[in-house]
Amino acid sequence: MDDRSNSGNLVFNAFSMKINSTQVFRASAQQVSSTLENETVILDYERGVYYTLDEVGTFIWKMLQQKPMTVAELKSGVLAEYDIDEATCENDIYALLKALSDEKLVEKI
């Protein structure tokens, strides 16, 4: 769902960060993003690094930009929009949130 565009692929390890379905996340204020078709580019302007999100990552990113959301709310939105099984959806959301959190593009609140 996400990769670090200027330095290779971003590695996901959702299990090293404790995330549960009731935790609330929001997009960080230290970034700017732009969506073109089904892809989003996020610029961390403090570090000058940019990231890309695929279609599903873009969908989640747009949800987080609207308001802070729980993992359960994100999962519900993705399941309503895409044909994906629940376990895969949850694992992918955890991995994306972990990666975005590691890069300080989202914050737990």
C-alpha atoms as a PDB file:
ATOM      1  CA  MET A   1       0.000   0.000   0.000  1.00  0.00           C
ATOM      2  CA  ASP A   2       2.888   2.333   0.497  1.00  0.00           C
ATOM      3  CA  ASP A   3       6.487   2.772  -0.534  1.00  0.00           C
ATOM      4  CA  ARG A   4       9.234   5.270   0.116  1.00  0.00           C
ATOM      5  CA  SER A   5       9.741   6.623  -3.377  1.00  0.00           C
ATOM      6  CA  ASN A   6      13.197   8.098  -3.056  1.00  0.00           C
ATOM      7  CA  SER A   7      14.884   5.277  -1.199  1.00  0.00           C
ATOM      8  CA  GLY A   8      13.336   1.950  -2.085  1.00  0.00           C
ATOM      9  CA  ASN A   9      10.447   0.072  -0.612  1.00  0.00           C
ATOM     10  CA  LEU A  10       9.170   0.809   2.847  1.00  0.00           C
ATOM     11  CA  VAL A  11       9.285  -2.358   4.930  1.00  0.00           C
ATOM     12  CA  PHE A  12       6.181  -3.231   6.938  1.00  0.00           C
ATOM     13  CA  ASN A  13       6.350  -4.857  10.340  1.00  0.00           C
ATOM     14  CA  ALA A  14       2.948  -4.344  11.921  1.00  0.00           C
ATOM     15  CA  PHE A  15       3.692  -6.737  14.747  1.00  0.00           C
ATOM     16  CA  SER A  16       6.398  -4.585  16.336  1.00  0.00           C
ATOM     17  CA  MET A  17       3.851  -1.841  17.047  1.00  0.00           C
ATOM     18  CA  LYS A  18       0.827  -2.622  19.171  1.00  0.00           C
ATOM     19  CA  ILE A  19      -2.244  -1.532  17.209  1.00  0.00           C
ATOM     20  CA  ASN A  20      -5.793  -2.450  18.108  1.00  0.00           C
ATOM     21  CA  SER A  21      -9.151  -1.720  16.528  1.00  0.00           C
ATOM     22  CA  THR A  22     -10.101   1.007  19.021  1.00  0.00           C
ATOM     23  CA  GLN A  23      -6.998   3.150  18.552  1.00  0.00           C
ATOM     24  CA  VAL A  24      -7.563   6.479  16.854  1.00  0.00           C
ATOM     25  CA  PHE A  25      -5.239   7.811  14.157  1.00  0.00           C
ATOM     26  CA  ARG A  26      -5.047  11.110  12.301  1.00  0.00           C
ATOM     27  CA  ALA A  27      -2.941  12.496   9.490  1.00  0.00           C
ATOM     28  CA  SER A  28       0.063  14.433  10.769  1.00  0.00           C
ATOM     29  CA  ALA A  29       0.232  18.178  10.256  1.00  0.00           C
ATOM     30  CA  GLN A  30       3.891  17.839   9.140  1.00  0.00           C
ATOM     31  CA  GLN A  31       3.019  16.690   5.629  1.00  0.00           C
ATOM     32  CA  VAL A  32       1.300  17.744   2.459  1.00  0.00           C
ATOM     33  CA  SER A  33      -0.285  15.351  -0.014  1.00  0.00           C
ATOM     34  CA  SER A  34      -1.746  15.306  -3.486  1.00  0.00           C
ATOM     35  CA  THR A  35      -3.909  12.711  -5.176  1.00  0.00           C
ATOM     36  CA  LEU A  36      -3.840  12.031  -8.902  1.00  0.00           C
ATOM     37  CA  GLU A  37      -6.293   9.432 -10.131  1.00  0.00           C
ATOM     38  CA  ASN A  38      -5.959   6.490  -7.686  1.00  0.00           C
ATOM     39  CA  GLU A  39      -2.534   7.306  -6.274  1.00  0.00           C
ATOM     40  CA  THR A  40      -1.415   9.717  -3.556  1.00  0.00           C
ATOM     41  CA  VAL A  41       1.951  11.329  -3.024  1.00  0.00           C
ATOM     42  CA  ILE A  42       2.726  12.482   0.517  1.00  0.00           C
ATOM     43  CA  LEU A  43       5.593  14.884   1.178  1.00  0.00           C
ATOM     44  CA  ASP A  44       7.167  15.056   4.606  1.00  0.00           C
ATOM     45  CA  TYR A  45       8.322  18.628   4.189  1.00  0.00           C
ATOM     46  CA  GLU A  46      10.491  18.635   7.317  1.00  0.00           C
ATOM     47  CA  ARG A  47      12.682  15.837   5.961  1.00  0.00           C
ATOM     48  CA  GLY A  48      12.103  16.389   2.249  1.00  0.00           C
ATOM     49  CA  VAL A  49      11.045  12.771   1.704  1.00  0.00           C
ATOM     50  CA  TYR A  50       8.031  11.698  -0.297  1.00  0.00           C
ATOM     51  CA  TYR A  51       5.932   8.546  -0.274  1.00  0.00           C
ATOM     52  CA  THR A  52       3.355   7.058  -2.612  1.00  0.00           C
ATOM     53  CA  LEU A  53       0.142   5.236  -1.772  1.00  0.00           C
ATOM     54  CA  ASP A  54      -1.739   2.893  -4.072  1.00  0.00           C
ATOM     55  CA  GLU A  55      -5.515   2.946  -4.549  1.00  0.00           C
ATOM     56  CA  VAL A  56      -6.444   1.363  -1.219  1.00  0.00           C
ATOM     57  CA  GLY A  57      -3.808   3.356   0.656  1.00  0.00           C
ATOM     58  CA  THR A  58      -5.216   6.499  -0.976  1.00  0.00           C
ATOM     59  CA  PHE A  59      -8.723   5.553   0.172  1.00  0.00           C
ATOM     60  CA  ILE A  60      -7.491   5.159   3.762  1.00  0.00           C
ATOM     61  CA  TRP A  61      -5.446   8.378   3.557  1.00  0.00           C
ATOM     62  CA  LYS A  62      -8.517  10.348   2.412  1.00  0.00           C
ATOM     63  CA  MET A  63     -10.504   8.966   5.344  1.00  0.00           C
ATOM     64  CA  LEU A  64      -7.774  10.023   7.787  1.00  0.00           C
ATOM     65  CA  GLN A  65      -7.647  13.511   6.294  1.00  0.00           C
ATOM     66  CA  GLN A  66     -11.375  14.012   6.891  1.00  0.00           C
ATOM     67  CA  LYS A  67     -11.167  13.321  10.623  1.00  0.00           C
ATOM     68  CA  PRO A  68      -9.369  11.148  13.169  1.00  0.00           C
ATOM     69  CA  MET A  69     -10.576   7.555  12.854  1.00  0.00           C
ATOM     70  CA  THR A  70     -10.322   4.282  14.705  1.00  0.00           C
ATOM     71  CA  VAL A  71      -8.828   1.253  13.032  1.00  0.00           C
ATOM     72  CA  ALA A  72     -12.319  -0.307  13.160  1.00  0.00           C
ATOM     73  CA  GLU A  73     -13.777   2.670  11.243  1.00  0.00           C
ATOM     74  CA  LEU A  74     -11.040   2.442   8.622  1.00  0.00           C
ATOM     75  CA  LYS A  75     -11.611  -1.295   8.281  1.00  0.00           C
ATOM     76  CA  SER A  76     -15.354  -0.815   7.906  1.00  0.00           C
ATOM     77  CA  GLY A  77     -14.822   1.770   5.178  1.00  0.00           C
ATOM     78  CA  VAL A  78     -12.377  -0.401   3.244  1.00  0.00           C
ATOM     79  CA  LEU A  79     -14.610  -3.475   3.499  1.00  0.00           C
ATOM     80  CA  ALA A  80     -17.579  -1.464   2.196  1.00  0.00           C
ATOM     81  CA  GLU A  81     -15.564  -0.133  -0.756  1.00  0.00           C
ATOM     82  CA  TYR A  82     -13.402  -3.106  -1.788  1.00  0.00           C
ATOM     83  CA  ASP A  83     -13.873  -6.833  -2.285  1.00  0.00           C
ATOM     84  CA  ILE A  84     -11.381  -8.098   0.294  1.00  0.00           C
ATOM     85  CA  ASP A  85     -11.598 -10.587   3.143  1.00  0.00           C
ATOM     86  CA  GLU A  86     -11.705  -9.197   6.666  1.00  0.00           C
ATOM     87  CA  ALA A  87      -8.415 -10.691   7.894  1.00  0.00           C
ATOM     88  CA  THR A  88      -6.417  -9.415   4.910  1.00  0.00           C
ATOM     89  CA  CYS A  89      -8.061  -6.005   5.226  1.00  0.00           C
ATOM     90  CA  GLU A  90      -7.183  -5.738   8.911  1.00  0.00           C
ATOM     91  CA  ASN A  91      -3.581  -6.890   8.404  1.00  0.00           C
ATOM     92  CA  ASP A  92      -3.074  -4.462   5.522  1.00  0.00           C
ATOM     93  CA  ILE A  93      -4.494  -1.543   7.533  1.00  0.00           C
ATOM     94  CA  TYR A  94      -2.261  -2.382  10.496  1.00  0.00           C
ATOM     95  CA  ALA A  95       0.770  -2.574   8.213  1.00  0.00           C
ATOM     96  CA  LEU A  96      -0.045   0.729   6.522  1.00  0.00           C
ATOM     97  CA  LEU A  97      -0.683   2.529   9.822  1.00  0.00           C
ATOM     98  CA  LYS A  98       2.552   1.125  11.247  1.00  0.00           C
ATOM     99  CA  ALA A  99       4.543   2.309   8.227  1.00  0.00           C
ATOM    100  CA  LEU A 100       2.893   5.746   8.171  1.00  0.00           C
ATOM    101  CA  SER A 101       3.369   6.073  11.926  1.00  0.00           C
ATOM    102  CA  ASP A 102       7.047   5.101  11.687  1.00  0.00           C
ATOM    103  CA  GLU A 103       7.503   7.874   9.117  1.00  0.00           C
ATOM    104  CA  LYS A 104       5.506  10.298  11.310  1.00  0.00           C
ATOM    105  CA  LEU A 105       2.862  10.804   8.619  1.00  0.00           C
ATOM    106  CA  VAL A 106       0.068   9.686  10.966  1.00  0.00           C
ATOM    107  CA  GLU A 107      -0.267  10.027  14.711  1.00  0.00           C
ATOM    108  CA  LYS A 108      -2.031   7.948  17.339  1.00  0.00           C
ATOM    109  CA  ILE A 109      -4.303  10.102  19.494  1.00  0.00           C
END
